[in-house]
Amino acid sequence: MNILILGATGPTGRHVVDLAIAAGDTVTVLARRPEALEGLADQVTVVAGDATSHQDVAKAMTGQDAVISALGRSTSVRADDLFTRAAAAVIAAAEEQGVSRLVWMSSFGVGDTYRSASAVQKLMYRTFLRNIYANKELSEQAIRSSGLDWTLVYPTLLTKGPAKGTYLADDRLPMKGNPRISRADVAAFMHKAAHSPEWIHRDAVITD
């Protein structure tokens, strides 16, 4: 497949890039810091730009079969409207370029997934992550209302551990405590989902 990856310089996005290369996909990344991907210059097409810019996203989306977004705010607890602005740019660019498949990484606890969160999780979501989660929910409302073949991925607490390949993935999963999942496993799921119709128009809650 021809795949555009957003958030490729982040920890989850870089896993997606490596998996896509290994699978033989033709990979394009849109990055504000292209120099962070210099080591992959002969393996991916790097487009300098911002994921919140319709023009930049449309340029990078030309000729793609699917878009995988692993955008995040690192350790910040402020969204600064990143997700709503990026969603607007992606939706407009996809319509312009005729690209329909979108796999979008969110976080467990956003939107309806909050209902099945544990008490520990809900406390964290209502406090520290409140601003980011509110912005993510708005972005996902726009994605659901678009004409795209979307998959929204809701991982639990992300870790830097290796991929286990034994994670659970379903539209809804019961939670106890504060379960975790490695970024490597999340990346593997998103890459797989982009290649299959199984998760189109579905939420994917994912955890170990």
Protein backbone atom coordinates (compact mmCIF):
# COMPACT_ATOMS: atom_id res chain seq x y z
CA MET A 1 0.00 0.00 0.00
CA ASN A 2 0.90 3.65 -0.33
CA ILE A 3 0.63 4.96 3.23
CA LEU A 4 0.91 8.47 4.65
CA ILE A 5 1.95 8.51 8.31
CA LEU A 6 1.32 11.52 10.53
CA GLY A 7 3.18 11.84 13.80
CA ALA A 8 6.00 9.73 12.36
CA THR A 9 8.69 11.34 14.52
CA GLY A 10 6.83 10.45 17.74
CA PRO A 11 7.42 7.18 19.61
CA THR A 12 4.31 5.39 18.31
CA GLY A 13 4.53 6.83 14.83
CA ARG A 14 8.11 5.70 14.41
CA HIS A 15 7.04 2.13 15.16
CA VAL A 16 4.40 2.45 12.43
CA VAL A 17 7.02 3.68 9.98
CA ASP A 18 9.33 0.76 10.71
CA LEU A 19 6.51 -1.76 10.38
CA ALA A 20 5.30 -0.29 7.10
CA ILE A 21 8.82 -0.37 5.65
CA ALA A 22 9.29 -3.97 6.76
CA ALA A 23 5.95 -4.91 5.16
CA GLY A 24 7.01 -3.43 1.82
CA ASP A 25 4.61 -0.49 1.86
CA THR A 26 5.48 2.72 0.05
CA VAL A 27 5.76 5.14 2.95
CA THR A 28 5.33 8.91 3.01
CA VAL A 29 5.66 10.92 6.21
CA LEU A 30 4.68 14.50 6.91
CA ALA A 31 6.98 16.02 9.50
CA ARG A 32 7.72 19.44 10.92
CA ARG A 33 11.24 18.17 11.64
CA PRO A 34 12.30 16.21 8.56
CA GLU A 35 15.84 16.01 9.94
CA ALA A 36 14.55 13.59 12.59
CA LEU A 37 14.05 11.04 9.81
CA GLU A 38 17.31 11.54 7.94
CA GLY A 39 18.32 7.95 8.62
CA LEU A 40 15.37 6.76 6.54
CA ALA A 41 15.98 9.02 3.56
CA ASP A 42 16.35 6.09 1.15
CA GLN A 43 13.33 4.21 2.53
CA VAL A 44 10.56 6.79 2.91
CA THR A 45 9.42 9.98 1.24
CA VAL A 46 9.63 12.81 3.74
CA VAL A 47 7.42 15.86 3.16
CA ALA A 48 8.20 18.89 5.29
CA GLY A 49 5.04 20.36 6.73
CA ASP A 50 2.48 20.59 9.49
CA ALA A 51 -0.34 18.10 10.09
CA THR A 52 -2.68 20.99 10.93
CA SER A 53 -2.18 22.60 7.50
CA HIS A 54 -4.68 21.56 4.84
CA GLN A 55 -2.20 22.50 2.12
CA ASP A 56 0.66 20.50 3.64
CA VAL A 57 -1.48 17.45 4.32
CA ALA A 58 -2.99 17.51 0.82
CA LYS A 59 0.47 17.64 -0.71
CA ALA A 60 1.63 14.64 1.29
CA MET A 61 -1.61 12.74 0.66
CA THR A 62 -1.30 12.74 -3.13
CA GLY A 63 -1.39 9.17 -4.42
CA GLN A 64 -1.94 7.54 -1.02
CA ASP A 65 -4.16 4.55 -0.29
CA ALA A 66 -4.44 5.18 3.44
CA VAL A 67 -3.50 7.59 6.20
CA ILE A 68 -2.35 6.52 9.66
CA SER A 69 -2.23 9.22 12.31
CA ALA A 70 -0.18 8.72 15.48
CA LEU A 71 -0.23 12.39 16.42
CA GLY A 72 0.25 13.19 20.08
CA ARG A 73 1.25 15.89 22.52
CA SER A 74 4.13 14.01 24.15
CA THR A 75 4.14 14.84 27.87
CA SER A 76 2.02 18.00 27.55
CA VAL A 77 -1.40 18.07 29.20
CA ARG A 78 -2.60 20.85 26.88
CA ALA A 79 -4.01 20.04 23.46
CA ASP A 80 -3.54 23.50 21.94
CA ASP A 81 -6.25 22.41 19.48
CA LEU A 82 -3.80 20.02 17.77
CA PHE A 83 -6.31 17.25 17.21
CA THR A 84 -9.22 19.36 16.00
CA ARG A 85 -6.99 21.30 13.61
CA ALA A 86 -5.31 18.14 12.32
CA ALA A 87 -8.64 16.37 11.84
CA ALA A 88 -10.00 19.31 9.84
CA ALA A 89 -6.89 19.34 7.66
CA VAL A 90 -6.96 15.58 7.08
CA ILE A 91 -10.68 15.46 6.27
CA ALA A 92 -10.44 18.32 3.77
CA ALA A 93 -7.28 16.92 2.16
CA ALA A 94 -8.74 13.42 1.92
CA GLU A 95 -11.82 14.71 0.15
CA GLU A 96 -9.63 16.73 -2.19
CA GLN A 97 -7.26 13.85 -2.96
CA GLY A 98 -9.84 11.07 -3.07
CA VAL A 99 -8.34 9.13 -0.15
CA SER A 100 -10.87 7.36 2.05
CA ARG A 101 -9.02 5.14 4.54
CA LEU A 102 -8.00 6.71 7.84
CA VAL A 103 -6.66 5.04 10.98
CA TRP A 104 -6.55 7.61 13.78
CA MET A 105 -4.95 7.06 17.19
CA SER A 106 -6.88 8.47 20.13
CA SER A 107 -6.73 7.49 23.81
CA PHE A 108 -8.88 5.24 25.95
CA GLY A 109 -11.24 7.38 28.01
CA VAL A 110 -12.09 9.76 25.18
CA GLY A 111 -15.76 9.98 24.19
CA ASP A 112 -17.94 6.95 24.85
CA THR A 113 -14.99 4.85 26.01
CA TYR A 114 -15.05 6.85 29.25
CA ARG A 115 -18.13 4.89 30.33
CA SER A 116 -16.24 1.61 30.60
CA ALA A 117 -13.17 3.11 32.31
CA SER A 118 -12.21 2.05 35.81
CA ALA A 119 -12.49 4.45 38.74
CA VAL A 120 -8.72 4.98 38.68
CA GLN A 121 -8.79 5.81 34.98
CA LYS A 122 -11.77 8.15 35.27
CA LEU A 123 -10.03 10.19 37.96
CA MET A 124 -7.01 10.74 35.71
CA TYR A 125 -9.15 11.55 32.68
CA ARG A 126 -11.24 14.12 34.58
CA THR A 127 -8.19 15.92 35.95
CA PHE A 128 -4.76 15.77 34.30
CA LEU A 129 -5.98 14.79 30.84
CA ARG A 130 -9.20 16.78 30.73
CA ASN A 131 -8.04 19.40 28.21
CA ILE A 132 -6.43 16.98 25.78
CA TYR A 133 -9.33 14.54 25.95
CA ALA A 134 -11.88 17.27 25.25
CA ASN A 135 -10.01 18.28 22.11
CA LYS A 136 -9.63 14.68 21.00
CA GLU A 137 -13.35 14.10 21.40
CA LEU A 138 -14.17 17.08 19.19
CA SER A 139 -11.73 15.87 16.52
CA GLU A 140 -13.33 12.45 16.52
CA GLN A 141 -16.82 13.86 16.16
CA ALA A 142 -15.62 15.51 12.96
CA ILE A 143 -14.03 12.29 11.73
CA ARG A 144 -17.17 10.25 12.42
CA SER A 145 -19.25 12.80 10.52
CA SER A 146 -16.94 12.72 7.51
CA GLY A 147 -17.33 10.41 4.55
CA LEU A 148 -14.06 8.66 5.34
CA ASP A 149 -13.55 4.97 6.07
CA TRP A 150 -12.25 5.66 9.54
CA THR A 151 -11.00 3.54 12.39
CA LEU A 152 -10.55 5.21 15.78
CA VAL A 153 -8.01 3.47 17.99
CA TYR A 154 -8.23 3.81 21.79
CA PRO A 155 -5.15 2.43 23.54
CA THR A 156 -4.86 2.37 27.32
CA LEU A 157 -1.78 3.78 29.07
CA LEU A 158 1.12 3.68 26.61
CA THR A 159 4.50 2.19 27.49
CA LYS A 160 7.87 1.97 25.77
CA GLY A 161 8.03 -1.81 26.13
CA PRO A 162 8.49 -4.28 23.27
CA ALA A 163 5.59 -5.64 21.25
CA LYS A 164 3.97 -8.69 22.81
CA GLY A 165 1.44 -9.44 20.10
CA THR A 166 -1.00 -10.75 22.72
CA TYR A 167 -3.05 -7.59 23.21
CA LEU A 168 -6.84 -7.44 23.35
CA ALA A 169 -8.75 -5.39 20.78
CA ASP A 170 -12.51 -4.90 20.63
CA ASP A 171 -15.17 -2.22 20.28
CA ARG A 172 -15.52 -2.22 24.08
CA LEU A 173 -13.44 -3.84 26.81
CA PRO A 174 -14.03 -3.89 30.59
CA MET A 175 -11.31 -2.20 32.61
CA LYS A 176 -9.81 -2.78 36.04
CA GLY A 177 -7.18 -0.52 37.56
CA ASN A 178 -5.04 1.25 34.97
CA PRO A 179 -4.01 -1.29 32.29
CA ARG A 180 -1.26 -0.58 29.80
CA ILE A 181 -0.11 -1.44 26.31
CA SER A 182 3.15 -0.89 24.48
CA ARG A 183 3.39 1.66 21.72
CA ALA A 184 4.88 -1.08 19.57
CA ASP A 185 1.71 -3.18 19.88
CA VAL A 186 -0.50 -0.16 19.15
CA ALA A 187 1.54 0.57 16.03
CA ALA A 188 1.22 -3.04 14.91
CA PHE A 189 -2.54 -2.92 15.31
CA MET A 190 -2.88 0.35 13.39
CA HIS A 191 -0.72 -0.88 10.54
CA LYS A 192 -2.73 -4.10 10.32
CA ALA A 193 -6.04 -2.21 10.48
CA ALA A 194 -5.03 0.02 7.58
CA HIS A 195 -4.62 -3.07 5.40
CA SER A 196 -7.96 -4.64 6.26
CA PRO A 197 -11.64 -3.65 6.04
CA GLU A 198 -12.35 -5.37 9.38
CA TRP A 199 -12.17 -2.21 11.49
CA ILE A 200 -13.74 0.31 9.11
CA HIS A 201 -16.27 2.54 10.90
CA ARG A 202 -15.40 0.94 14.24
CA ASP A 203 -13.82 1.97 17.51
CA ALA A 204 -10.90 -0.20 18.55
CA VAL A 205 -10.18 -0.33 22.26
CA ILE A 206 -6.79 -1.93 22.71
CA THR A 207 -4.92 -3.06 25.84
CA ASP A 208 -2.77 -5.86 27.21
